[in-house]
């Protein structure tokens, strides 16, 4: 009888610990963590002892939040929509998602971005500038040029990388004027 009561008590304690103290690792945990991190990045932090405390730049917060969310298998489109809703820079959002997302589909993310109100030129430029953590371009010129979402854009991201050379205009020289 004592063993049965002891077994019931132990089982109850284990069940209570699993229910009450277990950390939620469900499918939406990345979303909760992502939103909290991005909201903290927008709020100034104050310290009661010495005034203002160190607040990391919004770009750093965004980069770290996107990296963590994508490591937790967050859908890139959903992460992008949340960050856009929280008023982060669309170019920075996309360049970080492209950089940290393993095998992010350019067409899918472009379609999702345009639905969220992001200009296709921004998507094309972010795709062109995105680098992997190893410093290699994520997309090559052909992938960007052939992306269905970007067709008809009339914008080649690599044109922006070519510096424009301004030539001095000299007045025309007349053959009849003496030198």
N, C-alpha and C. Protein backbone atom coordinates (compact mmCIF):
# COMPACT_ATOMS: atom_id res chain seq x y z
N UNK A 1 0.82 -1.19 0.00
CA UNK A 1 0.00 0.00 0.00
C UNK A 1 0.87 1.26 0.00
N UNK A 2 1.93 1.24 0.84
CA UNK A 2 2.83 2.38 0.88
C UNK A 2 3.51 2.58 -0.47
N UNK A 3 3.86 1.48 -1.11
CA UNK A 3 4.51 1.57 -2.41
C UNK A 3 3.59 2.19 -3.45
N UNK A 4 2.32 1.81 -3.41
CA UNK A 4 1.35 2.34 -4.36
C UNK A 4 1.16 3.84 -4.15
N UNK A 5 1.04 4.27 -2.92
CA UNK A 5 0.87 5.69 -2.61
C UNK A 5 2.13 6.46 -3.02
N UNK A 6 3.28 5.90 -2.71
CA UNK A 6 4.54 6.53 -3.08
C UNK A 6 4.66 6.62 -4.61
N UNK A 7 4.27 5.60 -5.33
CA UNK A 7 4.30 5.59 -6.77
C UNK A 7 3.35 6.64 -7.35
N UNK A 8 2.17 6.77 -6.76
CA UNK A 8 1.20 7.77 -7.22
C UNK A 8 1.74 9.18 -6.98
N UNK A 9 2.34 9.41 -5.84
CA UNK A 9 2.90 10.72 -5.51
C UNK A 9 4.03 11.06 -6.47
N UNK A 10 4.92 10.11 -6.71
CA UNK A 10 6.05 10.35 -7.61
C UNK A 10 5.55 10.63 -9.03
N UNK A 11 4.58 9.87 -9.49
CA UNK A 11 4.03 10.07 -10.82
C UNK A 11 3.37 11.45 -10.92
N UNK A 12 2.66 11.83 -9.87
CA UNK A 12 2.00 13.15 -9.85
C UNK A 12 3.03 14.28 -9.89
N UNK A 13 4.12 14.14 -9.18
CA UNK A 13 5.16 15.17 -9.16
C UNK A 13 5.81 15.27 -10.54
N UNK A 14 6.10 14.15 -11.14
CA UNK A 14 6.72 14.16 -12.47
C UNK A 14 5.76 14.78 -13.49
N UNK A 15 4.50 14.41 -13.45
CA UNK A 15 3.52 14.95 -14.39
C UNK A 15 3.36 16.45 -14.18
N UNK A 16 3.31 16.90 -12.92
CA UNK A 16 3.18 18.33 -12.64
C UNK A 16 4.40 19.10 -13.13
N UNK A 17 5.55 18.52 -12.96
CA UNK A 17 6.77 19.18 -13.42
C UNK A 17 6.78 19.30 -14.93
N UNK A 18 6.34 18.26 -15.62
CA UNK A 18 6.33 18.31 -17.08
C UNK A 18 5.29 19.30 -17.59
N UNK A 19 4.17 19.38 -16.95
CA UNK A 19 3.11 20.29 -17.39
C UNK A 19 3.42 21.73 -17.00
N UNK A 20 3.78 21.94 -15.76
CA UNK A 20 3.95 23.29 -15.25
C UNK A 20 5.27 23.95 -15.55
N UNK A 21 6.33 23.18 -15.63
CA UNK A 21 7.65 23.77 -15.74
C UNK A 21 8.32 23.56 -17.09
N UNK A 22 7.72 22.79 -17.93
CA UNK A 22 8.33 22.53 -19.23
C UNK A 22 8.28 23.79 -20.08
N UNK A 23 9.37 24.04 -20.80
CA UNK A 23 9.45 25.20 -21.68
C UNK A 23 8.71 24.88 -22.97
N UNK A 24 7.93 25.85 -23.43
CA UNK A 24 7.17 25.66 -24.66
C UNK A 24 8.10 25.69 -25.85
N UNK A 25 8.23 24.58 -26.54
CA UNK A 25 9.05 24.50 -27.74
C UNK A 25 8.16 24.15 -28.93
N UNK A 26 6.93 24.62 -28.88
CA UNK A 26 6.00 24.34 -29.96
C UNK A 26 6.37 25.06 -31.24
N UNK A 27 5.55 24.88 -32.26
CA UNK A 27 5.87 25.45 -33.57
C UNK A 27 5.88 26.98 -33.58
N UNK A 28 5.24 27.62 -32.63
CA UNK A 28 5.21 29.08 -32.62
C UNK A 28 6.20 29.70 -31.65
N UNK A 29 7.07 28.91 -31.06
CA UNK A 29 8.04 29.45 -30.11
C UNK A 29 8.99 30.43 -30.79
N UNK A 30 9.40 30.13 -32.02
CA UNK A 30 10.29 31.04 -32.74
C UNK A 30 9.62 32.39 -32.91
N UNK A 31 8.31 32.37 -33.16
CA UNK A 31 7.58 33.62 -33.39
C UNK A 31 7.54 34.48 -32.12
N UNK A 32 7.30 33.84 -31.00
CA UNK A 32 7.27 34.58 -29.73
C UNK A 32 8.64 35.19 -29.43
N UNK A 33 9.68 34.39 -29.57
CA UNK A 33 11.05 34.88 -29.33
C UNK A 33 11.42 35.99 -30.31
N UNK A 34 11.03 35.82 -31.57
CA UNK A 34 11.35 36.78 -32.62
C UNK A 34 10.69 38.13 -32.35
N UNK A 35 9.40 38.10 -32.04
CA UNK A 35 8.67 39.34 -31.76
C UNK A 35 9.23 40.03 -30.53
N UNK A 36 9.52 39.27 -29.49
CA UNK A 36 10.07 39.88 -28.26
C UNK A 36 11.42 40.53 -28.54
N UNK A 37 12.28 39.85 -29.29
CA UNK A 37 13.60 40.40 -29.60
C UNK A 37 13.48 41.68 -30.43
N UNK A 38 12.61 41.67 -31.43
CA UNK A 38 12.45 42.85 -32.28
C UNK A 38 11.82 44.02 -31.52
N UNK A 39 10.89 43.71 -30.63
CA UNK A 39 10.28 44.78 -29.83
C UNK A 39 11.28 45.39 -28.86
N UNK A 40 12.13 44.55 -28.28
CA UNK A 40 13.17 45.07 -27.39
C UNK A 40 14.14 45.97 -28.16
N UNK A 41 14.39 45.65 -29.41
CA UNK A 41 15.28 46.46 -30.24
C UNK A 41 14.71 47.83 -30.55
N UNK A 42 13.41 47.99 -30.48
CA UNK A 42 12.77 49.27 -30.76
C UNK A 42 12.60 50.14 -29.51
N UNK A 43 12.68 49.52 -28.34
CA UNK A 43 12.47 50.26 -27.10
C UNK A 43 13.79 50.73 -26.50
N UNK A 44 13.86 52.00 -26.09
CA UNK A 44 15.07 52.44 -25.38
C UNK A 44 15.10 51.80 -24.00
N UNK A 45 16.26 51.29 -23.63
CA UNK A 45 16.40 50.65 -22.33
C UNK A 45 17.00 51.65 -21.35
N UNK A 46 16.44 51.71 -20.17
CA UNK A 46 16.97 52.60 -19.16
C UNK A 46 17.41 51.81 -17.95
N UNK A 47 18.40 52.32 -17.31
CA UNK A 47 18.93 51.70 -16.10
C UNK A 47 18.64 52.65 -14.95
N UNK A 48 18.09 52.16 -13.85
CA UNK A 48 17.75 53.06 -12.75
C UNK A 48 18.98 53.70 -12.09
N UNK A 49 20.14 53.10 -12.24
CA UNK A 49 21.31 53.62 -11.53
C UNK A 49 22.01 54.76 -12.27
N UNK A 50 22.18 54.63 -13.59
CA UNK A 50 22.97 55.66 -14.27
C UNK A 50 22.32 56.20 -15.54
N UNK A 51 21.05 56.27 -15.62
CA UNK A 51 20.39 56.86 -16.78
C UNK A 51 20.20 55.85 -17.89
N UNK A 52 20.73 56.16 -19.03
CA UNK A 52 20.53 55.30 -20.19
C UNK A 52 21.52 54.15 -20.21
N UNK A 53 21.01 52.99 -20.56
CA UNK A 53 21.87 51.81 -20.68
C UNK A 53 22.19 51.61 -22.16
N UNK A 54 23.12 50.72 -22.44
CA UNK A 54 23.49 50.41 -23.81
C UNK A 54 22.31 49.75 -24.52
N UNK A 55 21.95 50.26 -25.68
CA UNK A 55 20.92 49.66 -26.51
C UNK A 55 21.55 49.34 -27.85
N UNK A 56 21.56 48.06 -28.25
CA UNK A 56 22.18 47.73 -29.54
C UNK A 56 21.40 48.37 -30.69
N UNK A 57 22.09 48.65 -31.76
CA UNK A 57 21.47 49.25 -32.94
C UNK A 57 20.39 48.33 -33.49
N UNK A 58 19.39 48.94 -34.11
CA UNK A 58 18.27 48.17 -34.65
C UNK A 58 18.74 47.12 -35.66
N UNK A 59 19.76 47.45 -36.44
CA UNK A 59 20.28 46.50 -37.43
C UNK A 59 20.89 45.27 -36.78
N UNK A 60 21.58 45.46 -35.66
CA UNK A 60 22.19 44.34 -34.95
C UNK A 60 21.10 43.46 -34.34
N UNK A 61 20.09 44.10 -33.76
CA UNK A 61 18.98 43.35 -33.16
C UNK A 61 18.27 42.54 -34.24
N UNK A 62 18.01 43.18 -35.37
CA UNK A 62 17.33 42.50 -36.47
C UNK A 62 18.14 41.31 -36.97
N UNK A 63 19.44 41.51 -37.17
CA UNK A 63 20.30 40.44 -37.65
C UNK A 63 20.29 39.24 -36.70
N UNK A 64 20.44 39.50 -35.40
CA UNK A 64 20.46 38.41 -34.42
C UNK A 64 19.11 37.72 -34.33
N UNK A 65 18.02 38.48 -34.39
CA UNK A 65 16.68 37.89 -34.28
C UNK A 65 16.38 37.01 -35.50
N UNK A 66 16.74 37.49 -36.69
CA UNK A 66 16.49 36.69 -37.90
C UNK A 66 17.32 35.42 -37.87
N UNK A 67 18.58 35.54 -37.48
CA UNK A 67 19.45 34.36 -37.42
C UNK A 67 18.87 33.31 -36.48
N UNK A 68 18.45 33.74 -35.30
CA UNK A 68 17.90 32.80 -34.32
C UNK A 68 16.58 32.19 -34.82
N UNK A 69 15.71 33.01 -35.41
CA UNK A 69 14.42 32.50 -35.90
C UNK A 69 14.62 31.48 -37.00
N UNK A 70 15.54 31.75 -37.93
CA UNK A 70 15.76 30.81 -39.02
C UNK A 70 16.45 29.54 -38.53
N UNK A 71 17.25 29.64 -37.49
CA UNK A 71 17.84 28.44 -36.89
C UNK A 71 16.77 27.57 -36.24
N UNK A 72 15.67 28.22 -35.78
CA UNK A 72 14.55 27.50 -35.18
C UNK A 72 13.53 27.06 -36.23
N UNK A 73 13.95 27.07 -37.52
CA UNK A 73 13.12 26.62 -38.64
C UNK A 73 11.92 27.52 -38.91
N UNK A 74 12.05 28.81 -38.67
CA UNK A 74 10.98 29.76 -38.96
C UNK A 74 10.82 29.89 -40.47
N UNK A 75 9.58 30.00 -40.95
CA UNK A 75 9.38 30.26 -42.38
C UNK A 75 9.88 31.67 -42.71
N UNK A 76 10.77 31.81 -43.69
CA UNK A 76 11.32 33.14 -44.00
C UNK A 76 10.27 34.19 -44.31
N UNK A 77 9.21 33.80 -44.99
CA UNK A 77 8.15 34.75 -45.33
C UNK A 77 7.46 35.30 -44.08
N UNK A 78 7.19 34.42 -43.14
CA UNK A 78 6.52 34.86 -41.91
C UNK A 78 7.43 35.77 -41.09
N UNK A 79 8.70 35.42 -41.00
CA UNK A 79 9.65 36.26 -40.27
C UNK A 79 9.75 37.63 -40.92
N UNK A 80 9.76 37.67 -42.25
CA UNK A 80 9.84 38.94 -42.96
C UNK A 80 8.60 39.80 -42.69
N UNK A 81 7.42 39.19 -42.73
CA UNK A 81 6.18 39.94 -42.50
C UNK A 81 6.15 40.54 -41.10
N UNK A 82 6.59 39.79 -40.11
CA UNK A 82 6.60 40.29 -38.74
C UNK A 82 7.55 41.47 -38.61
N UNK A 83 8.74 41.34 -39.17
CA UNK A 83 9.72 42.43 -39.09
C UNK A 83 9.24 43.67 -39.82
N UNK A 84 8.57 43.50 -40.97
CA UNK A 84 8.03 44.64 -41.71
C UNK A 84 6.94 45.32 -40.88
N UNK A 85 6.07 44.52 -40.26
CA UNK A 85 5.01 45.08 -39.42
C UNK A 85 5.56 45.87 -38.23
N UNK A 86 6.74 45.47 -37.76
CA UNK A 86 7.36 46.17 -36.64
C UNK A 86 8.25 47.32 -37.10
N UNK A 87 8.12 47.69 -38.37
CA UNK A 87 8.76 48.88 -38.95
C UNK A 87 10.29 48.80 -39.05
N UNK A 88 10.81 47.61 -39.31
CA UNK A 88 12.24 47.49 -39.59
C UNK A 88 12.46 47.74 -41.07
N UNK A 89 13.67 48.12 -41.44
CA UNK A 89 14.02 48.45 -42.81
C UNK A 89 13.89 47.22 -43.71
N UNK A 90 13.05 47.28 -44.77
CA UNK A 90 12.84 46.11 -45.64
C UNK A 90 14.13 45.58 -46.27
N UNK A 91 15.01 46.46 -46.70
CA UNK A 91 16.27 46.03 -47.31
C UNK A 91 17.08 45.21 -46.31
N UNK A 92 17.19 45.70 -45.08
CA UNK A 92 17.94 44.98 -44.04
C UNK A 92 17.29 43.64 -43.71
N UNK A 93 15.99 43.62 -43.67
CA UNK A 93 15.26 42.37 -43.40
C UNK A 93 15.61 41.34 -44.46
N UNK A 94 15.47 41.73 -45.72
CA UNK A 94 15.70 40.79 -46.82
C UNK A 94 17.15 40.33 -46.89
N UNK A 95 18.08 41.26 -46.75
CA UNK A 95 19.49 40.88 -46.87
C UNK A 95 19.88 39.90 -45.75
N UNK A 96 19.30 40.07 -44.56
CA UNK A 96 19.58 39.14 -43.47
C UNK A 96 18.92 37.79 -43.69
N UNK A 97 17.69 37.80 -44.19
CA UNK A 97 17.01 36.52 -44.46
C UNK A 97 17.75 35.76 -45.57
N UNK A 98 18.13 36.47 -46.63
CA UNK A 98 18.89 35.81 -47.69
C UNK A 98 20.22 35.27 -47.16
N UNK A 99 20.88 36.03 -46.30
CA UNK A 99 22.19 35.64 -45.79
C UNK A 99 22.15 34.47 -44.83
N UNK A 100 21.11 34.40 -44.00
CA UNK A 100 21.06 33.34 -42.99
C UNK A 100 20.12 32.20 -43.36
N UNK A 101 19.25 32.41 -44.31
CA UNK A 101 18.32 31.35 -44.69
C UNK A 101 18.99 30.34 -45.58
N UNK A 102 18.98 29.10 -45.17
CA UNK A 102 19.59 28.09 -46.01
C UNK A 102 18.61 27.74 -47.13
N UNK A 103 19.07 27.93 -48.35
CA UNK A 103 18.27 27.61 -49.53
C UNK A 103 16.93 28.36 -49.55
N UNK A 104 16.95 29.66 -49.30
CA UNK A 104 15.75 30.48 -49.39
C UNK A 104 15.38 30.60 -50.86
N UNK A 105 14.13 30.37 -51.19
CA UNK A 105 13.66 30.46 -52.56
C UNK A 105 13.42 31.93 -52.89
N UNK A 106 14.16 32.45 -53.86
CA UNK A 106 14.08 33.86 -54.24
C UNK A 106 12.69 34.22 -54.73
N UNK A 107 12.08 33.39 -55.56
CA UNK A 107 10.75 33.69 -56.09
C UNK A 107 9.69 33.73 -54.99
N UNK A 108 9.74 32.77 -54.07
CA UNK A 108 8.76 32.74 -53.00
C UNK A 108 8.90 33.95 -52.08
N UNK A 109 10.12 34.26 -51.70
CA UNK A 109 10.32 35.40 -50.80
C UNK A 109 10.00 36.71 -51.52
N UNK A 110 10.30 36.79 -52.79
CA UNK A 110 9.98 37.99 -53.57
C UNK A 110 8.47 38.19 -53.64
N UNK A 111 7.74 37.12 -53.91
CA UNK A 111 6.27 37.20 -53.95
C UNK A 111 5.70 37.62 -52.61
N UNK A 112 6.24 37.05 -51.57
CA UNK A 112 5.79 37.39 -50.22
C UNK A 112 6.12 38.86 -49.90
N UNK A 113 7.29 39.30 -50.33
CA UNK A 113 7.72 40.67 -50.07
C UNK A 113 6.83 41.67 -50.80
N UNK A 114 6.50 41.38 -52.05
CA UNK A 114 5.65 42.31 -52.79
C UNK A 114 4.24 42.35 -52.22
N UNK A 115 3.75 41.22 -51.71
CA UNK A 115 2.45 41.21 -51.03
C UNK A 115 2.48 42.08 -49.78
N UNK A 116 3.64 42.16 -49.15
CA UNK A 116 3.78 42.97 -47.93
C UNK A 116 4.08 44.44 -48.23
N UNK A 117 4.15 44.78 -49.53
CA UNK A 117 4.36 46.17 -49.89
C UNK A 117 5.80 46.57 -50.13
N UNK A 118 6.70 45.60 -50.22
CA UNK A 118 8.11 45.91 -50.47
C UNK A 118 8.32 45.98 -51.97
N UNK A 119 8.97 47.02 -52.43
CA UNK A 119 9.24 47.25 -53.84
C UNK A 119 10.16 46.15 -54.38
N UNK A 120 9.91 45.72 -55.61
CA UNK A 120 10.72 44.66 -56.23
C UNK A 120 12.17 45.10 -56.41
N UNK A 121 12.41 46.38 -56.58
CA UNK A 121 13.79 46.85 -56.73
C UNK A 121 14.57 46.60 -55.44
N UNK A 122 13.91 46.75 -54.31
CA UNK A 122 14.56 46.48 -53.03
C UNK A 122 14.89 45.00 -52.91
N UNK A 123 13.96 44.15 -53.35
CA UNK A 123 14.19 42.70 -53.31
C UNK A 123 15.37 42.34 -54.20
N UNK A 124 15.41 42.90 -55.41
CA UNK A 124 16.50 42.60 -56.35
C UNK A 124 17.84 43.07 -55.80
N UNK A 125 17.87 44.26 -55.23
CA UNK A 125 19.14 44.77 -54.71
C UNK A 125 19.61 43.96 -53.50
N UNK A 126 18.68 43.58 -52.62
CA UNK A 126 19.05 42.76 -51.46
C UNK A 126 19.55 41.40 -51.91
N UNK A 127 18.92 40.81 -52.92
CA UNK A 127 19.37 39.51 -53.44
C UNK A 127 20.77 39.63 -54.04
N UNK A 128 21.03 40.75 -54.69
CA UNK A 128 22.35 40.94 -55.32
C UNK A 128 23.44 41.16 -54.28
N UNK A 129 23.13 41.80 -53.18
CA UNK A 129 24.14 42.14 -52.18
C UNK A 129 24.27 41.10 -51.06
N UNK A 130 23.32 40.16 -50.96
CA UNK A 130 23.32 39.19 -49.87
C UNK A 130 24.53 38.27 -49.94
N UNK A 131 25.18 38.13 -48.81
CA UNK A 131 26.35 37.27 -48.71
C UNK A 131 26.11 36.21 -47.63
N UNK A 132 26.67 35.05 -47.85
CA UNK A 132 26.59 33.98 -46.86
C UNK A 132 27.52 34.34 -45.70
N UNK A 133 27.39 33.66 -44.57
CA UNK A 133 28.32 33.91 -43.46
C UNK A 133 29.78 33.67 -43.85
N UNK A 134 30.02 32.94 -44.92
CA UNK A 134 31.38 32.69 -45.39
C UNK A 134 31.86 33.76 -46.37
N UNK A 135 31.00 34.75 -46.66
CA UNK A 135 31.39 35.85 -47.54
C UNK A 135 31.18 35.60 -49.02
N UNK A 136 30.41 34.59 -49.36
CA UNK A 136 30.13 34.29 -50.77
C UNK A 136 28.73 34.79 -51.12
N UNK A 137 28.54 35.27 -52.36
CA UNK A 137 27.20 35.72 -52.77
C UNK A 137 26.20 34.56 -52.69
N UNK A 138 25.00 34.87 -52.22
CA UNK A 138 23.96 33.85 -52.11
C UNK A 138 23.41 33.51 -53.50
N UNK A 139 23.12 34.53 -54.30
CA UNK A 139 22.55 34.33 -55.62
C UNK A 139 23.53 34.85 -56.67
N UNK A 140 23.64 34.14 -57.78
CA UNK A 140 24.47 34.65 -58.87
C UNK A 140 23.61 35.50 -59.80
N UNK A 141 24.26 36.14 -60.74
CA UNK A 141 23.59 37.07 -61.66
C UNK A 141 22.45 36.39 -62.40
N UNK A 142 22.66 35.17 -62.86
CA UNK A 142 21.63 34.47 -63.62
C UNK A 142 20.40 34.16 -62.79
N UNK A 143 20.60 33.75 -61.53
CA UNK A 143 19.45 33.45 -60.67
C UNK A 143 18.56 34.68 -60.47
N UNK A 144 19.19 35.81 -60.28
CA UNK A 144 18.42 37.04 -60.07
C UNK A 144 17.74 37.46 -61.37
N UNK A 145 18.45 37.38 -62.48
CA UNK A 145 17.89 37.77 -63.77
C UNK A 145 16.74 36.86 -64.19
N UNK A 146 16.79 35.59 -63.81
CA UNK A 146 15.78 34.63 -64.22
C UNK A 146 14.65 34.47 -63.21
N UNK A 147 14.70 35.18 -62.09
CA UNK A 147 13.64 35.06 -61.09
C UNK A 147 12.32 35.56 -61.68
N UNK A 148 11.31 34.73 -61.66
CA UNK A 148 10.02 35.06 -62.26
C UNK A 148 9.40 36.29 -61.60
N UNK A 149 9.56 36.41 -60.32
CA UNK A 149 8.98 37.52 -59.58
C UNK A 149 9.59 38.85 -60.01
N UNK A 150 10.83 38.83 -60.47
CA UNK A 150 11.53 40.06 -60.82
C UNK A 150 11.49 40.37 -62.32
N UNK A 151 10.81 39.54 -63.12
CA UNK A 151 10.77 39.79 -64.56
C UNK A 151 9.99 41.07 -64.85
N UNK A 152 10.42 41.75 -65.89
CA UNK A 152 9.76 43.00 -66.26
C UNK A 152 10.15 44.17 -65.39
N UNK A 153 11.09 43.95 -64.51
CA UNK A 153 11.48 45.01 -63.59
C UNK A 153 12.32 46.06 -64.29
N UNK A 154 13.09 45.65 -65.25
CA UNK A 154 13.94 46.60 -65.95
C UNK A 154 15.06 47.10 -65.06
N UNK A 155 15.44 46.32 -64.11
CA UNK A 155 16.47 46.72 -63.15
C UNK A 155 17.46 45.59 -63.01
N UNK A 156 18.70 45.87 -63.25
CA UNK A 156 19.75 44.89 -63.04
C UNK A 156 20.54 45.33 -61.83
N UNK A 157 20.53 44.56 -60.77
CA UNK A 157 21.21 44.97 -59.54
C UNK A 157 22.69 45.26 -59.73
N UNK A 158 23.30 44.60 -60.68
CA UNK A 158 24.74 44.78 -60.85
C UNK A 158 25.09 46.10 -61.53
N UNK A 159 24.12 46.74 -62.18
CA UNK A 159 24.37 48.04 -62.78
C UNK A 159 24.69 49.06 -61.68
N UNK A 160 24.07 48.90 -60.54
CA UNK A 160 24.31 49.82 -59.43
C UNK A 160 25.75 49.72 -58.92
N UNK A 161 26.42 48.58 -59.16
CA UNK A 161 27.79 48.41 -58.67
C UNK A 161 28.83 49.06 -59.58
N UNK A 162 28.46 49.34 -60.82
CA UNK A 162 29.40 49.94 -61.76
C UNK A 162 29.43 51.44 -61.52
N UNK A 163 30.59 52.00 -61.17
CA UNK A 163 30.63 53.43 -60.89
C UNK A 163 30.41 54.23 -62.16
N UNK A 164 29.68 55.30 -62.03
CA UNK A 164 29.41 56.19 -63.16
C UNK A 164 30.55 57.19 -63.26
N UNK A 165 31.09 57.32 -64.43
CA UNK A 165 32.21 58.23 -64.65
C UNK A 165 31.68 59.51 -65.28
N UNK A 166 31.87 60.61 -64.60
CA UNK A 166 31.46 61.91 -65.12
C UNK A 166 32.64 62.53 -65.86
N UNK A 167 32.42 62.87 -67.09
CA UNK A 167 33.47 63.47 -67.90
C UNK A 167 33.27 64.98 -67.93
N UNK A 168 34.38 65.65 -67.92
CA UNK A 168 34.31 67.10 -68.01
C UNK A 168 33.92 67.49 -69.42
N UNK A 169 33.04 68.43 -69.49
CA UNK A 169 32.62 68.92 -70.81
C UNK A 169 33.44 70.16 -71.13
N UNK A 170 34.17 70.07 -72.20
CA UNK A 170 34.98 71.21 -72.65
C UNK A 170 34.20 71.93 -73.74
N UNK A 171 34.38 73.23 -73.79
CA UNK A 171 33.67 73.95 -74.85
C UNK A 171 34.21 73.51 -76.21
N UNK A 172 33.35 73.47 -77.20
CA UNK A 172 33.81 73.04 -78.52
C UNK A 172 34.88 73.99 -79.05
N UNK A 173 35.83 73.42 -79.71
CA UNK A 173 36.93 74.19 -80.28
C UNK A 173 36.56 74.53 -81.72
N UNK A 174 36.66 75.78 -82.04
CA UNK A 174 36.35 76.23 -83.41
C UNK A 174 37.62 76.15 -84.25
N UNK A 175 37.49 75.68 -85.46
CA UNK A 175 38.63 75.59 -86.34
C UNK A 175 39.07 76.97 -86.85
N UNK A 176 38.18 77.92 -86.76
CA UNK A 176 38.48 79.24 -87.28
C UNK A 176 39.05 80.17 -86.20
N UNK A 177 38.93 79.79 -84.96
CA UNK A 177 39.41 80.65 -83.88
C UNK A 177 40.90 80.43 -83.69
N UNK A 178 41.67 81.54 -83.53
CA UNK A 178 43.12 81.39 -83.33
C UNK A 178 43.42 80.85 -81.92
N UNK A 179 44.50 80.15 -81.81
CA UNK A 179 44.92 79.62 -80.51
C UNK A 179 45.95 80.46 -79.87
